[in-house]
N, C-alpha and C. Protein backbone atom coordinates (compact mmCIF):
# COMPACT_ATOMS: atom_id res chain seq x y z
N MET A 1 -21.40 46.13 71.93
CA MET A 1 -21.21 46.72 73.25
C MET A 1 -21.23 48.25 73.17
N TYR A 2 -20.63 48.81 72.11
CA TYR A 2 -20.61 50.27 71.92
C TYR A 2 -22.03 50.83 71.94
N ALA A 3 -22.92 50.20 71.18
CA ALA A 3 -24.29 50.70 71.09
C ALA A 3 -25.00 50.64 72.44
N ILE A 4 -24.84 49.55 73.15
CA ILE A 4 -25.54 49.39 74.44
C ILE A 4 -25.06 50.43 75.44
N VAL A 5 -23.77 50.57 75.59
CA VAL A 5 -23.22 51.53 76.55
C VAL A 5 -23.58 52.95 76.16
N THR A 6 -23.51 53.24 74.88
CA THR A 6 -23.79 54.61 74.42
C THR A 6 -25.27 54.94 74.58
N VAL A 7 -26.15 54.00 74.28
CA VAL A 7 -27.59 54.25 74.47
C VAL A 7 -27.88 54.49 75.96
N LEU A 8 -27.25 53.72 76.83
CA LEU A 8 -27.43 53.94 78.27
C LEU A 8 -26.91 55.32 78.68
N THR A 9 -25.77 55.71 78.15
CA THR A 9 -25.21 57.03 78.46
C THR A 9 -26.12 58.14 77.95
N ILE A 10 -26.66 57.95 76.75
CA ILE A 10 -27.61 58.93 76.21
C ILE A 10 -28.83 59.03 77.13
N ALA A 11 -29.38 57.89 77.50
CA ALA A 11 -30.60 57.87 78.30
C ALA A 11 -30.43 58.58 79.64
N ILE A 12 -29.33 58.31 80.34
CA ILE A 12 -29.18 58.94 81.66
C ILE A 12 -28.90 60.43 81.53
N ASN A 13 -28.24 60.83 80.45
CA ASN A 13 -27.99 62.27 80.27
C ASN A 13 -29.26 63.01 79.86
N VAL A 14 -30.10 62.38 79.05
CA VAL A 14 -31.39 62.99 78.71
C VAL A 14 -32.23 63.12 79.97
N TRP A 15 -32.26 62.05 80.77
CA TRP A 15 -33.01 62.09 82.03
C TRP A 15 -32.50 63.22 82.93
N ALA A 16 -31.18 63.32 83.07
CA ALA A 16 -30.59 64.35 83.93
C ALA A 16 -30.88 65.75 83.39
N ALA A 17 -30.80 65.92 82.08
CA ALA A 17 -31.09 67.22 81.49
C ALA A 17 -32.55 67.60 81.73
N LEU A 18 -33.45 66.64 81.58
CA LEU A 18 -34.87 66.92 81.82
C LEU A 18 -35.11 67.26 83.29
N ALA A 19 -34.45 66.55 84.18
CA ALA A 19 -34.58 66.86 85.62
C ALA A 19 -34.11 68.29 85.89
N ASP A 20 -33.05 68.70 85.21
CA ASP A 20 -32.57 70.08 85.36
C ASP A 20 -33.60 71.07 84.83
N VAL A 21 -34.14 70.78 83.65
CA VAL A 21 -35.08 71.70 83.00
C VAL A 21 -36.33 71.91 83.86
N VAL A 22 -36.84 70.83 84.44
CA VAL A 22 -38.06 70.95 85.26
C VAL A 22 -37.73 71.37 86.69
N ARG A 23 -36.43 71.57 86.95
CA ARG A 23 -35.97 71.98 88.28
C ARG A 23 -36.50 71.03 89.37
N ALA A 24 -36.21 69.76 89.14
CA ALA A 24 -36.63 68.75 90.11
C ALA A 24 -36.08 69.09 91.49
N LYS A 25 -36.82 68.70 92.49
CA LYS A 25 -36.46 69.03 93.87
C LYS A 25 -35.03 68.57 94.20
N PHE A 26 -34.67 67.35 93.78
CA PHE A 26 -33.34 66.84 94.09
C PHE A 26 -32.25 67.64 93.37
N VAL A 27 -32.55 68.16 92.19
CA VAL A 27 -31.58 68.98 91.45
C VAL A 27 -31.31 70.28 92.22
N LEU A 28 -32.38 70.92 92.66
CA LEU A 28 -32.22 72.17 93.41
C LEU A 28 -31.50 71.94 94.74
N ALA A 29 -31.84 70.85 95.42
CA ALA A 29 -31.19 70.55 96.70
C ALA A 29 -29.71 70.26 96.50
N ASN A 30 -29.39 69.47 95.49
CA ASN A 30 -27.98 69.13 95.22
C ASN A 30 -27.20 70.37 94.81
N SER A 31 -27.77 71.17 93.95
CA SER A 31 -27.10 72.40 93.49
C SER A 31 -26.81 73.32 94.67
N SER A 32 -27.78 73.47 95.54
CA SER A 32 -27.61 74.32 96.72
C SER A 32 -26.49 73.78 97.61
N GLU A 33 -26.50 72.49 97.83
CA GLU A 33 -25.49 71.87 98.69
C GLU A 33 -24.08 72.03 98.11
N LEU A 34 -24.00 72.03 96.78
CA LEU A 34 -22.70 72.17 96.10
C LEU A 34 -22.29 73.62 95.89
N GLY A 35 -23.19 74.55 96.19
CA GLY A 35 -22.89 75.96 96.00
C GLY A 35 -23.04 76.42 94.56
N ILE A 36 -23.86 75.72 93.80
CA ILE A 36 -24.09 76.08 92.40
C ILE A 36 -25.35 76.95 92.34
N ALA A 37 -25.22 78.13 91.77
CA ALA A 37 -26.36 79.05 91.67
C ALA A 37 -27.42 78.46 90.74
N PRO A 38 -28.69 78.66 91.07
CA PRO A 38 -29.77 78.16 90.21
C PRO A 38 -29.68 78.67 88.77
N SER A 39 -29.08 79.82 88.59
CA SER A 39 -28.95 80.37 87.23
C SER A 39 -28.06 79.51 86.33
N TRP A 40 -27.25 78.64 86.92
CA TRP A 40 -26.38 77.76 86.13
C TRP A 40 -27.10 76.50 85.65
N ILE A 41 -28.22 76.16 86.26
CA ILE A 41 -28.89 74.90 85.95
C ILE A 41 -29.29 74.78 84.48
N PRO A 42 -29.84 75.82 83.84
CA PRO A 42 -30.17 75.66 82.41
C PRO A 42 -28.94 75.37 81.54
N LEU A 43 -27.82 75.99 81.84
CA LEU A 43 -26.60 75.73 81.07
C LEU A 43 -26.15 74.28 81.28
N LEU A 44 -26.19 73.81 82.51
CA LEU A 44 -25.80 72.43 82.79
C LEU A 44 -26.73 71.45 82.07
N ALA A 45 -28.02 71.77 82.05
CA ALA A 45 -28.98 70.94 81.32
C ALA A 45 -28.65 70.91 79.83
N ALA A 46 -28.33 72.07 79.29
CA ALA A 46 -28.01 72.15 77.86
C ALA A 46 -26.76 71.34 77.53
N LEU A 47 -25.75 71.41 78.38
CA LEU A 47 -24.52 70.66 78.13
C LEU A 47 -24.78 69.15 78.13
N LYS A 48 -25.60 68.69 79.07
CA LYS A 48 -25.94 67.27 79.11
C LYS A 48 -26.73 66.87 77.87
N ALA A 49 -27.69 67.71 77.48
CA ALA A 49 -28.52 67.41 76.31
C ALA A 49 -27.69 67.40 75.03
N VAL A 50 -26.80 68.36 74.89
CA VAL A 50 -25.94 68.42 73.70
C VAL A 50 -25.01 67.21 73.67
N GLY A 51 -24.50 66.82 74.83
CA GLY A 51 -23.67 65.63 74.89
C GLY A 51 -24.43 64.40 74.44
N ALA A 52 -25.67 64.26 74.92
CA ALA A 52 -26.50 63.12 74.52
C ALA A 52 -26.79 63.15 73.03
N ALA A 53 -27.07 64.33 72.49
CA ALA A 53 -27.34 64.46 71.06
C ALA A 53 -26.11 64.09 70.23
N GLY A 54 -24.95 64.51 70.69
CA GLY A 54 -23.71 64.16 69.99
C GLY A 54 -23.44 62.67 70.02
N LEU A 55 -23.72 62.04 71.16
CA LEU A 55 -23.56 60.58 71.24
C LEU A 55 -24.51 59.89 70.25
N LEU A 56 -25.72 60.40 70.17
CA LEU A 56 -26.69 59.83 69.22
C LEU A 56 -26.19 60.00 67.79
N ALA A 57 -25.65 61.15 67.47
CA ALA A 57 -25.09 61.37 66.13
C ALA A 57 -23.97 60.37 65.85
N GLY A 58 -23.17 60.10 66.85
CA GLY A 58 -22.11 59.11 66.71
C GLY A 58 -22.66 57.73 66.41
N LEU A 59 -23.74 57.37 67.09
CA LEU A 59 -24.37 56.07 66.84
C LEU A 59 -24.96 56.00 65.44
N LEU A 60 -25.40 57.14 64.94
CA LEU A 60 -26.04 57.18 63.62
C LEU A 60 -25.04 57.35 62.48
N GLY A 61 -23.75 57.30 62.80
CA GLY A 61 -22.76 57.29 61.74
C GLY A 61 -21.79 58.44 61.71
N VAL A 62 -22.02 59.46 62.50
CA VAL A 62 -21.08 60.60 62.53
C VAL A 62 -20.14 60.36 63.71
N ARG A 63 -19.28 59.37 63.56
CA ARG A 63 -18.42 58.90 64.66
C ARG A 63 -17.59 60.01 65.28
N PRO A 64 -16.98 60.93 64.49
CA PRO A 64 -16.18 61.99 65.14
C PRO A 64 -17.01 62.86 66.09
N LEU A 65 -18.25 63.09 65.76
CA LEU A 65 -19.11 63.87 66.65
C LEU A 65 -19.42 63.08 67.92
N GLY A 66 -19.62 61.79 67.78
CA GLY A 66 -19.84 60.94 68.94
C GLY A 66 -18.63 60.93 69.86
N VAL A 67 -17.45 60.86 69.27
CA VAL A 67 -16.21 60.88 70.06
C VAL A 67 -16.08 62.22 70.79
N ALA A 68 -16.34 63.31 70.09
CA ALA A 68 -16.25 64.63 70.70
C ALA A 68 -17.27 64.79 71.83
N ALA A 69 -18.48 64.30 71.61
CA ALA A 69 -19.52 64.39 72.64
C ALA A 69 -19.14 63.57 73.87
N ALA A 70 -18.64 62.37 73.63
CA ALA A 70 -18.21 61.52 74.76
C ALA A 70 -17.09 62.20 75.53
N ALA A 71 -16.13 62.78 74.82
CA ALA A 71 -15.03 63.48 75.49
C ALA A 71 -15.55 64.67 76.29
N GLY A 72 -16.50 65.38 75.72
CA GLY A 72 -17.10 66.51 76.44
C GLY A 72 -17.80 66.06 77.71
N LEU A 73 -18.52 64.95 77.64
CA LEU A 73 -19.20 64.44 78.83
C LEU A 73 -18.20 63.94 79.87
N VAL A 74 -17.10 63.36 79.41
CA VAL A 74 -16.05 62.94 80.36
C VAL A 74 -15.56 64.17 81.13
N LEU A 75 -15.26 65.24 80.41
CA LEU A 75 -14.79 66.47 81.06
C LEU A 75 -15.86 67.06 81.99
N PHE A 76 -17.10 67.07 81.51
CA PHE A 76 -18.21 67.61 82.30
C PHE A 76 -18.32 66.88 83.64
N PHE A 77 -18.34 65.54 83.58
CA PHE A 77 -18.54 64.79 84.81
C PHE A 77 -17.27 64.70 85.66
N ALA A 78 -16.11 64.86 85.06
CA ALA A 78 -14.89 65.01 85.86
C ALA A 78 -15.01 66.29 86.67
N GLY A 79 -15.51 67.33 86.04
CA GLY A 79 -15.75 68.59 86.74
C GLY A 79 -16.76 68.42 87.86
N ALA A 80 -17.80 67.65 87.62
CA ALA A 80 -18.81 67.40 88.67
C ALA A 80 -18.18 66.68 89.87
N LEU A 81 -17.30 65.74 89.58
CA LEU A 81 -16.61 65.03 90.67
C LEU A 81 -15.71 65.99 91.46
N VAL A 82 -15.06 66.89 90.76
CA VAL A 82 -14.21 67.90 91.43
C VAL A 82 -15.08 68.81 92.30
N VAL A 83 -16.20 69.24 91.77
CA VAL A 83 -17.09 70.13 92.54
C VAL A 83 -17.58 69.41 93.81
N HIS A 84 -17.98 68.16 93.67
CA HIS A 84 -18.42 67.39 94.84
C HIS A 84 -17.29 67.28 95.87
N THR A 85 -16.10 67.00 95.38
CA THR A 85 -14.96 66.84 96.29
C THR A 85 -14.61 68.15 96.99
N ARG A 86 -14.57 69.23 96.22
CA ARG A 86 -14.23 70.53 96.82
C ARG A 86 -15.27 70.96 97.85
N ALA A 87 -16.54 70.62 97.59
CA ALA A 87 -17.61 70.99 98.52
C ALA A 87 -17.75 69.97 99.66
N ARG A 88 -16.97 68.90 99.57
CA ARG A 88 -17.01 67.82 100.56
C ARG A 88 -18.41 67.22 100.67
N VAL A 89 -19.05 67.06 99.52
CA VAL A 89 -20.37 66.43 99.44
C VAL A 89 -20.15 65.04 98.85
N PHE A 90 -20.05 64.08 99.75
CA PHE A 90 -19.71 62.72 99.33
C PHE A 90 -20.88 61.74 99.39
N HIS A 91 -21.97 62.14 100.04
CA HIS A 91 -23.07 61.21 100.21
C HIS A 91 -23.74 60.82 98.89
N ASN A 92 -23.59 61.65 97.88
CA ASN A 92 -24.20 61.34 96.58
C ASN A 92 -23.19 61.42 95.43
N ILE A 93 -21.92 61.27 95.75
CA ILE A 93 -20.88 61.36 94.72
C ILE A 93 -20.94 60.18 93.74
N ALA A 94 -21.62 59.12 94.13
CA ALA A 94 -21.74 57.96 93.23
C ALA A 94 -22.48 58.34 91.94
N ALA A 95 -23.42 59.25 92.04
CA ALA A 95 -24.19 59.64 90.84
C ALA A 95 -23.28 60.23 89.75
N PRO A 96 -22.53 61.29 90.04
CA PRO A 96 -21.64 61.78 88.99
C PRO A 96 -20.55 60.76 88.64
N GLY A 97 -20.21 59.90 89.59
CA GLY A 97 -19.23 58.84 89.30
C GLY A 97 -19.74 57.87 88.26
N ILE A 98 -21.02 57.52 88.36
CA ILE A 98 -21.63 56.62 87.37
C ILE A 98 -21.72 57.30 86.01
N PHE A 99 -22.14 58.55 86.00
CA PHE A 99 -22.21 59.30 84.74
C PHE A 99 -20.82 59.40 84.10
N PHE A 100 -19.82 59.66 84.93
CA PHE A 100 -18.45 59.76 84.45
C PHE A 100 -17.98 58.43 83.86
N ALA A 101 -18.22 57.35 84.58
CA ALA A 101 -17.80 56.03 84.11
C ALA A 101 -18.46 55.67 82.79
N LEU A 102 -19.74 55.97 82.65
CA LEU A 102 -20.43 55.68 81.39
C LEU A 102 -19.90 56.56 80.25
N ALA A 103 -19.59 57.81 80.55
CA ALA A 103 -19.02 58.69 79.52
C ALA A 103 -17.65 58.17 79.09
N VAL A 104 -16.82 57.74 80.05
CA VAL A 104 -15.52 57.18 79.73
C VAL A 104 -15.68 55.93 78.87
N ALA A 105 -16.59 55.05 79.28
CA ALA A 105 -16.82 53.82 78.51
C ALA A 105 -17.30 54.15 77.10
N SER A 106 -18.18 55.11 76.96
CA SER A 106 -18.65 55.50 75.64
C SER A 106 -17.52 56.04 74.79
N LEU A 107 -16.64 56.84 75.41
CA LEU A 107 -15.51 57.39 74.69
C LEU A 107 -14.55 56.29 74.24
N VAL A 108 -14.20 55.41 75.14
CA VAL A 108 -13.27 54.34 74.80
C VAL A 108 -13.85 53.46 73.69
N LEU A 109 -15.12 53.11 73.81
CA LEU A 109 -15.73 52.25 72.79
C LEU A 109 -15.88 52.98 71.45
N ALA A 110 -16.14 54.28 71.49
CA ALA A 110 -16.25 55.05 70.25
C ALA A 110 -14.91 55.13 69.54
N VAL A 111 -13.85 55.27 70.30
CA VAL A 111 -12.52 55.42 69.71
C VAL A 111 -11.98 54.07 69.21
N THR A 112 -12.26 53.02 69.96
CA THR A 112 -11.71 51.71 69.61
C THR A 112 -12.62 50.88 68.72
N GLY A 113 -13.89 51.29 68.64
CA GLY A 113 -14.87 50.47 67.90
C GLY A 113 -14.99 50.76 66.50
């Protein structure tokens, strides 16, 4: 179960990071709606990509790095949920909620597995 959940978490974070890097239309629209300056998008992409890389390292045997990456993604997406809530942007809050839930599941499975 750890591998399946973690691979899924890696995949969606890589996808999200790539969407940020190419400045997909939905990324720019969401960032604008949340009040996030476009200059922050590369940093957010890097954080997602580093989180995914750390999860992969955890799968490949460096478990402490996987745990740290999962914890970082939990914090990252908790922050995303806070930003959505503060901006009162609820129509798409399910997206960061799913990312958050997968990061939490990856963390729990990494620690207990």
